[in-house]
C-alpha atoms as a PDB file:
ATOM      1  CA  MET A   1       0.000   0.000   0.000  1.00  0.00           C
ATOM      2  CA  PRO A   2       1.366   3.500  -0.873  1.00  0.00           C
ATOM      3  CA  HIS A   3       2.651   5.662   1.939  1.00  0.00           C
ATOM      4  CA  GLN A   4       0.736   8.741   3.004  1.00  0.00           C
ATOM      5  CA  PRO A   5       2.603  11.945   2.201  1.00  0.00           C
ATOM      6  CA  ARG A   6       4.116  13.713   5.189  1.00  0.00           C
ATOM      7  CA  ARG A   7       3.872  17.460   4.913  1.00  0.00           C
ATOM      8  CA  SER A   8       4.723  20.201   7.327  1.00  0.00           C
ATOM      9  CA  ARG A   9       2.171  23.009   7.225  1.00  0.00           C
ATOM     10  CA  LEU A  10       4.936  25.420   8.162  1.00  0.00           C
ATOM     11  CA  ALA A  11       7.115  24.304   5.237  1.00  0.00           C
ATOM     12  CA  TYR A  12       4.215  24.655   2.806  1.00  0.00           C
ATOM     13  CA  ALA A  13       3.294  28.070   4.231  1.00  0.00           C
ATOM     14  CA  ALA A  14       6.891  29.114   3.543  1.00  0.00           C
ATOM     15  CA  LEU A  15       6.662  27.741  -0.014  1.00  0.00           C
ATOM     16  CA  LEU A  16       3.398  29.624  -0.496  1.00  0.00           C
ATOM     17  CA  LEU A  17       4.865  32.914   0.748  1.00  0.00           C
ATOM     18  CA  LEU A  18       8.013  32.494  -1.358  1.00  0.00           C
ATOM     19  CA  THR A  19       5.946  31.707  -4.448  1.00  0.00           C
ATOM     20  CA  VAL A  20       3.691  34.733  -3.929  1.00  0.00           C
ATOM     21  CA  ALA A  21       6.724  36.975  -3.378  1.00  0.00           C
ATOM     22  CA  LEU A  22       8.369  35.736  -6.575  1.00  0.00           C
ATOM     23  CA  GLY A  23       5.137  36.155  -8.524  1.00  0.00           C
ATOM     24  CA  LEU A  24       4.680  39.718  -7.256  1.00  0.00           C
ATOM     25  CA  ALA A  25       8.316  40.491  -8.070  1.00  0.00           C
ATOM     26  CA  THR A  26       7.908  39.362 -11.690  1.00  0.00           C
ATOM     27  CA  ARG A  27       4.855  41.610 -12.044  1.00  0.00           C
ATOM     28  CA  SER A  28       6.223  44.592 -10.106  1.00  0.00           C
ATOM     29  CA  PHE A  29       9.750  44.604 -11.561  1.00  0.00           C
ATOM     30  CA  PRO A  30       9.496  43.011 -15.016  1.00  0.00           C
ATOM     31  CA  ALA A  31      12.667  44.741 -16.241  1.00  0.00           C
ATOM     32  CA  ALA A  32      14.672  42.799 -13.639  1.00  0.00           C
ATOM     33  CA  PHE A  33      13.813  39.490 -15.326  1.00  0.00           C
ATOM     34  CA  PRO A  34      14.326  38.020 -18.786  1.00  0.00           C
ATOM     35  CA  GLU A  35      11.341  38.812 -21.013  1.00  0.00           C
ATOM     36  CA  PHE A  36      10.063  35.219 -21.050  1.00  0.00           C
ATOM     37  CA  ILE A  37      10.105  35.065 -17.231  1.00  0.00           C
ATOM     38  CA  ALA A  38       8.482  38.483 -16.848  1.00  0.00           C
ATOM     39  CA  THR A  39       5.730  37.496 -19.286  1.00  0.00           C
ATOM     40  CA  TYR A  40       4.832  34.021 -18.034  1.00  0.00           C
ATOM     41  CA  ALA A  41       6.191  33.466 -14.510  1.00  0.00           C
ATOM     42  CA  GLY A  42       3.403  35.333 -12.726  1.00  0.00           C
ATOM     43  CA  ASP A  43       0.758  33.015 -14.166  1.00  0.00           C
ATOM     44  CA  ALA A  44       2.822  29.910 -13.517  1.00  0.00           C
ATOM     45  CA  LEU A  45       3.586  30.953  -9.958  1.00  0.00           C
ATOM     46  CA  TRP A  46      -0.099  31.739  -9.359  1.00  0.00           C
ATOM     47  CA  ALA A  47      -1.030  28.112 -10.021  1.00  0.00           C
ATOM     48  CA  ALA A  48       1.874  26.879  -7.883  1.00  0.00           C
ATOM     49  CA  ALA A  49       0.671  29.118  -5.038  1.00  0.00           C
ATOM     50  CA  VAL A  50      -2.755  27.476  -5.276  1.00  0.00           C
ATOM     51  CA  TYR A  51      -1.057  24.058  -5.077  1.00  0.00           C
ATOM     52  CA  TRP A  52       0.990  25.031  -1.988  1.00  0.00           C
ATOM     53  CA  GLY A  53      -2.106  26.504  -0.357  1.00  0.00           C
ATOM     54  CA  LEU A  54      -4.056  23.287  -0.887  1.00  0.00           C
ATOM     55  CA  ALA A  55      -1.103  21.231   0.395  1.00  0.00           C
ATOM     56  CA  MET A  56      -0.997  23.409   3.502  1.00  0.00           C
ATOM     57  CA  ILE A  57      -4.744  23.032   4.112  1.00  0.00           C
ATOM     58  CA  TRP A  58      -4.819  19.258   3.389  1.00  0.00           C
ATOM     59  CA  PRO A  59      -1.353  17.951   4.283  1.00  0.00           C
ATOM     60  CA  ALA A  60      -2.347  14.280   3.941  1.00  0.00           C
ATOM     61  CA  ALA A  61      -3.733  14.653   0.396  1.00  0.00           C
ATOM     62  CA  ARG A  62      -2.168  12.736  -2.470  1.00  0.00           C
ATOM     63  CA  VAL A  63      -0.098  14.710  -4.962  1.00  0.00           C
ATOM     64  CA  TRP A  64      -2.429  13.918  -7.862  1.00  0.00           C
ATOM     65  CA  LEU A  65      -5.396  15.209  -5.864  1.00  0.00           C
ATOM     66  CA  LEU A  66      -3.652  18.472  -5.017  1.00  0.00           C
ATOM     67  CA  ALA A  67      -2.537  18.958  -8.621  1.00  0.00           C
ATOM     68  CA  SER A  68      -6.046  18.190  -9.886  1.00  0.00           C
ATOM     69  CA  GLY A  69      -7.628  20.568  -7.391  1.00  0.00           C
ATOM     70  CA  ALA A  70      -5.180  23.365  -8.157  1.00  0.00           C
ATOM     71  CA  GLY A  71      -5.648  22.750 -11.874  1.00  0.00           C
ATOM     72  CA  ALA A  72      -9.430  22.900 -11.581  1.00  0.00           C
ATOM     73  CA  MET A  73      -9.254  26.118  -9.558  1.00  0.00           C
ATOM     74  CA  SER A  74      -6.816  27.680 -12.027  1.00  0.00           C
ATOM     75  CA  LEU A  75      -8.969  26.682 -14.986  1.00  0.00           C
ATOM     76  CA  ALA A  76     -12.112  28.020 -13.307  1.00  0.00           C
ATOM     77  CA  VAL A  77     -10.481  31.386 -12.600  1.00  0.00           C
ATOM     78  CA  GLU A  78      -9.115  31.621 -16.139  1.00  0.00           C
ATOM     79  CA  LEU A  79     -12.477  30.720 -17.686  1.00  0.00           C
ATOM     80  CA  SER A  80     -14.199  33.235 -15.413  1.00  0.00           C
ATOM     81  CA  GLN A  81     -12.221  35.918 -17.232  1.00  0.00           C
ATOM     82  CA  LEU A  82     -14.414  35.275 -20.278  1.00  0.00           C
ATOM     83  CA  TYR A  83     -17.405  36.511 -18.272  1.00  0.00           C
ATOM     84  CA  GLN A  84     -17.592  40.288 -18.118  1.00  0.00           C
ATOM     85  CA  ALA A  85     -20.184  41.414 -15.583  1.00  0.00           C
ATOM     86  CA  PRO A  86     -19.954  44.949 -14.153  1.00  0.00           C
ATOM     87  CA  TRP A  87     -19.739  43.692 -10.566  1.00  0.00           C
ATOM     88  CA  LEU A  88     -17.011  41.202 -11.459  1.00  0.00           C
ATOM     89  CA  ASP A  89     -15.089  43.753 -13.499  1.00  0.00           C
ATOM     90  CA  ALA A  90     -15.260  46.096 -10.488  1.00  0.00           C
ATOM     91  CA  ILE A  91     -13.621  43.416  -8.339  1.00  0.00           C
ATOM     92  CA  ARG A  92     -10.991  42.762 -11.024  1.00  0.00           C
ATOM     93  CA  SER A  93     -10.157  46.476 -11.186  1.00  0.00           C
ATOM     94  CA  SER A  94      -8.850  46.378  -7.590  1.00  0.00           C
ATOM     95  CA  LEU A  95      -5.324  45.132  -6.893  1.00  0.00           C
ATOM     96  CA  PRO A  96      -6.457  42.102  -4.828  1.00  0.00           C
ATOM     97  CA  GLY A  97      -9.099  41.270  -7.446  1.00  0.00           C
ATOM     98  CA  ARG A  98      -6.574  41.542 -10.263  1.00  0.00           C
ATOM     99  CA  LEU A  99      -4.075  39.337  -8.410  1.00  0.00           C
ATOM    100  CA  VAL A 100      -6.621  36.648  -7.535  1.00  0.00           C
ATOM    101  CA  LEU A 101      -8.981  36.726 -10.537  1.00  0.00           C
ATOM    102  CA  GLY A 102      -6.766  38.112 -13.304  1.00  0.00           C
ATOM    103  CA  ARG A 103      -7.873  40.481 -16.039  1.00  0.00           C
ATOM    104  CA  GLY A 104      -8.316  38.695 -19.344  1.00  0.00           C
ATOM    105  CA  PHE A 105      -8.448  35.177 -20.716  1.00  0.00           C
ATOM    106  CA  LEU A 106      -5.286  33.915 -22.408  1.00  0.00           C
ATOM    107  CA  TRP A 107      -4.724  30.420 -23.752  1.00  0.00           C
ATOM    108  CA  SER A 108      -1.056  30.727 -22.795  1.00  0.00           C
ATOM    109  CA  ASP A 109      -2.067  30.978 -19.130  1.00  0.00           C
ATOM    110  CA  LEU A 110      -3.460  27.442 -19.308  1.00  0.00           C
ATOM    111  CA  ALA A 111      -0.092  26.176 -20.540  1.00  0.00           C
ATOM    112  CA  CYS A 112       1.632  28.084 -17.721  1.00  0.00           C
ATOM    113  CA  TYR A 113      -0.688  26.499 -15.174  1.00  0.00           C
ATOM    114  CA  ALA A 114      -0.117  22.982 -16.509  1.00  0.00           C
ATOM    115  CA  ALA A 115       3.681  23.327 -16.549  1.00  0.00           C
ATOM    116  CA  SER A 116       3.715  24.937 -13.121  1.00  0.00           C
ATOM    117  CA  LEU A 117       1.513  22.298 -11.533  1.00  0.00           C
ATOM    118  CA  ALA A 118       3.652  19.508 -12.959  1.00  0.00           C
ATOM    119  CA  LEU A 119       6.739  21.144 -11.455  1.00  0.00           C
ATOM    120  CA  ALA A 120       4.958  21.781  -8.149  1.00  0.00           C
ATOM    121  CA  ALA A 121       3.917  18.120  -7.973  1.00  0.00           C
ATOM    122  CA  VAL A 122       7.509  16.968  -8.528  1.00  0.00           C
ATOM    123  CA  ALA A 123       8.779  19.485  -5.976  1.00  0.00           C
ATOM    124  CA  ASP A 124       6.112  18.280  -3.542  1.00  0.00           C
ATOM    125  CA  LEU A 125       7.271  14.680  -3.913  1.00  0.00           C
ATOM    126  CA  ILE A 126      10.840  15.792  -3.202  1.00  0.00           C
ATOM    127  CA  VAL A 127       9.803  17.852  -0.166  1.00  0.00           C
ATOM    128  CA  CYS A 128       7.680  14.963   1.170  1.00  0.00           C
ATOM    129  CA  GLN A 129      10.687  12.652   0.847  1.00  0.00           C
ATOM    130  CA  MET A 130      12.894  15.157   2.643  1.00  0.00           C
ATOM    131  CA  ILE A 131      10.366  15.567   5.459  1.00  0.00           C
ATOM    132  CA  SER A 132       9.881  11.834   5.893  1.00  0.00           C
ATOM    133  CA  GLY A 133      13.606  11.121   5.573  1.00  0.00           C
ATOM    134  CA  ARG A 134      13.039   8.371   3.021  1.00  0.00           C
ATOM    135  CA  ARG A 135      14.909   7.756  -0.198  1.00  0.00           C
ATOM    136  CA  GLY A 136      13.520   6.337  -3.399  1.00  0.00           C
ATOM    137  CA  PRO A 137       9.933   6.425  -4.625  1.00  0.00           C
ATOM    138  CA  SER A 138       7.564   7.807  -2.038  1.00  0.00           C
ATOM    139  CA  GLY A 139       4.357   6.374  -3.432  1.00  0.00           C
ATOM    140  CA  THR A 140       2.471   9.603  -2.817  1.00  0.00           C
ATOM    141  CA  LEU A 141       0.995  10.037  -6.262  1.00  0.00           C
END
């Protein structure tokens, strides 16, 4: 039987804060980053932040479940950008609304989310192994 993942909420809170800080940095100081990073990293890091947040809330969840949940949330937020209601646009015009809900639908964001969540899942497996002190496959998928 596969082992349950072992996660430290504190470690995942730190990953979440680091990810948010990096995402804000790429949006606030785009000239400090290569153009590709400045263009796409914010979206990729947004999805990773959702993953870390879910891992922090449900530390015993399987990696595939966290990745699926973060992917579904990311897709829902991106698709919501196709809906333009005055009340929703008012929320999106604020800084918190723009950071959480985004401004406009882009197909490239979906690719950023997918790549980011795959990397977050691999990083999660590595972190779980480090926390549990085991080597080799962790069986947490």
